[in-house]
Amino acid sequence: MDRIDTVRLASFCAAADAGTPRAGMPWGAPSEAPSAGTLPKRMDIVFIENFIGQTIIGIDSSELHVPQPVRMNLAIGVPAIRACTTDRIEDTINYAAVRSALHALLESHGVRLLEALAEAVARLLITDFGAHWVRVSLAKPAKFDDVAAVGVQIERQRSDMPKASGLASYASLGEGLIPD
């Protein structure tokens, strides 16, 4: 997939602000208009393109013993990245940290379907890296000789992730006093 076209991304943001349809959106933009209370009005998108990792994944017995390549494209939505003004890595998504976390996940995930792995990647980006919205495209480029790749693409929002039960499950008196 091509890099996000910044001109179209700017028009996407302007269209979102004006409430107009967003046809012809860049790859990294949410495919549907956000409903009230789900996503911030403006979303900056950090992306990682064509990440290649090795993992054991699949349902065929031939896939369950030898790592195979998987390719990921990630779009990570965060509201107005502060690093645009602060120029500090702490105020954005650290690509190197995401890359390391992806390699660790690919070594330890224990799932068989690309769909489940894509969900694990989305959860990682939202819970560990603070993303508000993600698009995960995950493909097996070497699955069949007669196709370039097979795969799945999912989108998730922070609101899609179940809340951790945390302290509220142990408290009765004063339950709900700790903000989420």
Protein backbone atom coordinates (compact mmCIF):
# COMPACT_ATOMS: atom_id res chain seq x y z
CA MET A 1 0.00 0.00 0.00
CA ASP A 2 1.14 3.53 -0.65
CA ARG A 3 2.14 5.98 2.02
CA ILE A 4 -0.56 8.19 3.45
CA ASP A 5 -1.10 11.09 1.08
CA THR A 6 -0.83 14.14 3.34
CA VAL A 7 -2.86 16.32 1.00
CA ARG A 8 -5.76 13.88 1.09
CA LEU A 9 -5.31 13.49 4.85
CA ALA A 10 -5.61 17.25 5.28
CA SER A 11 -8.78 17.25 3.17
CA PHE A 12 -10.07 14.32 5.26
CA CYS A 13 -9.63 16.40 8.43
CA ALA A 14 -11.31 19.40 6.81
CA ALA A 15 -14.20 17.23 5.60
CA ALA A 16 -14.59 15.68 9.04
CA ASP A 17 -14.78 19.13 10.59
CA ALA A 18 -17.36 20.25 8.02
CA GLY A 19 -19.40 17.05 8.36
CA THR A 20 -19.09 16.21 4.65
CA PRO A 21 -18.65 12.70 3.25
CA ARG A 22 -15.08 11.42 3.11
CA ALA A 23 -14.83 9.54 -0.17
CA GLY A 24 -11.35 8.80 -1.45
CA MET A 25 -9.82 8.80 2.04
CA PRO A 26 -6.19 7.80 2.58
CA TRP A 27 -5.43 4.28 3.78
CA GLY A 28 -4.84 5.36 7.36
CA ALA A 29 -8.10 7.27 7.90
CA PRO A 30 -11.10 5.73 9.66
CA SER A 31 -13.52 4.34 7.07
CA GLU A 32 -16.66 5.63 8.74
CA ALA A 33 -17.49 8.92 10.40
CA PRO A 34 -17.02 8.56 14.15
CA SER A 35 -20.17 8.63 16.24
CA ALA A 36 -20.54 11.17 18.99
CA GLY A 37 -18.35 10.45 22.00
CA THR A 38 -16.17 7.78 20.39
CA LEU A 39 -13.20 9.49 18.77
CA PRO A 40 -11.73 12.95 19.14
CA LYS A 41 -12.72 15.35 16.37
CA ARG A 42 -9.21 15.48 14.89
CA MET A 43 -6.99 12.46 14.69
CA ASP A 44 -3.29 12.39 13.84
CA ILE A 45 -2.13 9.13 12.34
CA VAL A 46 1.23 7.49 12.96
CA PHE A 47 1.85 4.60 10.60
CA ILE A 48 4.19 1.68 10.15
CA GLU A 49 4.25 0.29 6.64
CA ASN A 50 5.29 -3.17 5.46
CA PHE A 51 6.60 -4.46 8.78
CA ILE A 52 7.78 -8.02 8.18
CA GLY A 53 8.08 -10.49 11.01
CA GLN A 54 8.33 -14.25 11.41
CA THR A 55 5.79 -16.24 13.39
CA ILE A 56 4.05 -19.57 13.65
CA ILE A 57 0.45 -19.10 12.56
CA GLY A 58 -2.12 -21.09 10.64
CA ILE A 59 -4.52 -23.97 10.70
CA ASP A 60 -2.69 -26.32 8.34
CA SER A 61 -0.34 -28.80 10.02
CA SER A 62 2.45 -27.64 7.68
CA GLU A 63 2.18 -24.12 9.20
CA LEU A 64 2.33 -25.11 12.85
CA HIS A 65 6.01 -25.99 13.17
CA VAL A 66 8.01 -23.54 11.07
CA PRO A 67 7.81 -19.75 11.34
CA GLN A 68 6.56 -18.01 8.23
CA PRO A 69 6.64 -14.34 7.23
CA VAL A 70 3.74 -12.04 8.01
CA ARG A 71 3.45 -8.47 6.77
CA MET A 72 1.73 -5.70 8.73
CA ASN A 73 0.60 -2.22 7.88
CA LEU A 74 -0.49 -0.19 10.89
CA ALA A 75 -2.30 3.12 11.17
CA ILE A 76 -2.35 4.37 14.75
CA GLY A 77 -4.72 7.24 15.49
CA VAL A 78 -4.03 9.60 18.35
CA PRO A 79 -5.62 12.97 19.05
CA ALA A 80 -3.41 15.91 18.05
CA ILE A 81 0.09 14.55 18.62
CA ARG A 82 1.80 16.89 21.08
CA ALA A 83 5.18 16.09 19.51
CA CYS A 84 4.18 18.35 16.60
CA THR A 85 4.85 21.28 18.93
CA THR A 86 7.16 19.83 21.61
CA ASP A 87 9.47 17.81 19.34
CA ARG A 88 9.75 15.18 22.12
CA ILE A 89 9.54 11.43 21.49
CA GLU A 90 7.64 11.03 24.78
CA ASP A 91 4.73 12.95 23.21
CA THR A 92 4.10 10.56 20.32
CA ILE A 93 4.05 6.89 19.36
CA ASN A 94 7.62 5.58 19.45
CA TYR A 95 8.08 3.50 16.28
CA ALA A 96 11.05 1.61 17.74
CA ALA A 97 9.05 0.62 20.83
CA VAL A 98 6.11 -0.53 18.68
CA ARG A 99 8.48 -2.53 16.47
CA SER A 100 10.03 -4.28 19.50
CA ALA A 101 6.60 -5.02 20.97
CA LEU A 102 5.45 -6.50 17.64
CA HIS A 103 8.47 -8.79 17.47
CA ALA A 104 7.80 -9.95 21.04
CA LEU A 105 4.12 -10.54 20.25
CA LEU A 106 4.98 -12.55 17.13
CA GLU A 107 7.21 -14.82 19.26
CA SER A 108 4.61 -15.46 21.94
CA HIS A 109 1.02 -14.95 20.69
CA GLY A 110 -0.17 -18.59 20.60
CA VAL A 111 -3.12 -17.98 18.22
CA ARG A 112 -3.79 -19.78 14.95
CA LEU A 113 -5.80 -17.30 12.87
CA LEU A 114 -4.66 -14.01 11.35
CA GLU A 115 -7.88 -12.47 12.65
CA ALA A 116 -6.97 -13.31 16.24
CA LEU A 117 -3.42 -12.05 15.75
CA ALA A 118 -4.70 -8.79 14.24
CA GLU A 119 -6.95 -8.36 17.28
CA ALA A 120 -3.97 -8.92 19.59
CA VAL A 121 -1.98 -6.27 17.68
CA ALA A 122 -4.89 -3.81 17.93
CA ARG A 123 -5.22 -4.45 21.66
CA LEU A 124 -1.46 -3.96 22.14
CA LEU A 125 -1.50 -0.60 20.33
CA ILE A 126 -4.52 0.65 22.25
CA THR A 127 -3.66 -0.58 25.73
CA ASP A 128 0.13 -0.26 25.74
CA PHE A 129 0.70 2.67 23.38
CA GLY A 130 -2.38 4.82 24.03
CA ALA A 131 -3.88 4.70 20.54
CA HIS A 132 -7.48 5.88 20.28
CA TRP A 133 -8.05 4.17 16.92
CA VAL A 134 -6.07 1.59 14.92
CA ARG A 135 -6.21 -0.10 11.56
CA VAL A 136 -4.25 -3.33 11.36
CA SER A 137 -3.63 -4.99 8.01
CA LEU A 138 -2.02 -8.40 8.44
CA ALA A 139 -1.01 -10.66 5.55
CA LYS A 140 0.74 -13.92 4.75
CA PRO A 141 2.75 -13.07 1.62
CA ALA A 142 3.96 -16.62 0.99
CA LYS A 143 0.79 -18.66 1.63
CA PHE A 144 0.00 -19.59 -1.99
CA ASP A 145 2.09 -19.55 -5.17
CA ASP A 146 -0.64 -17.96 -7.29
CA VAL A 147 -1.53 -14.93 -5.10
CA ALA A 148 0.62 -12.11 -3.78
CA ALA A 149 -0.80 -12.37 -0.25
CA VAL A 150 -3.80 -13.37 1.82
CA GLY A 151 -4.82 -11.56 4.95
CA VAL A 152 -7.18 -9.53 7.05
CA GLN A 153 -7.69 -5.88 7.90
CA ILE A 154 -9.43 -4.73 11.06
CA GLU A 155 -10.21 -1.39 12.70
CA ARG A 156 -10.65 -0.93 16.42
CA GLN A 157 -11.31 1.99 18.73
CA ARG A 158 -10.38 2.41 22.35
CA SER A 159 -14.11 2.10 23.17
CA ASP A 160 -14.09 -1.40 21.58
CA MET A 161 -11.69 -2.71 24.23
CA PRO A 162 -13.24 -4.14 27.39
CA LYS A 163 -12.37 -2.29 30.56
CA ALA A 164 -10.14 -4.09 33.04
CA SER A 165 -12.05 -5.05 36.16
CA GLY A 166 -9.26 -3.69 38.38
CA LEU A 167 -10.02 -2.43 41.87
CA ALA A 168 -13.77 -2.08 41.33
CA SER A 169 -14.20 -5.88 41.55
CA TYR A 170 -12.85 -5.85 45.12
CA ALA A 171 -14.66 -2.79 46.42
CA SER A 172 -18.27 -2.43 47.37
CA LEU A 173 -18.30 0.59 49.65
CA GLY A 174 -17.05 3.45 47.55
CA GLU A 175 -17.17 1.47 44.31
CA GLY A 176 -16.92 3.78 41.31
CA LEU A 177 -14.94 6.44 43.15
CA ILE A 178 -11.79 5.56 41.23
CA PRO A 179 -12.02 7.09 37.75
CA ASP A 180 -11.36 4.87 34.73
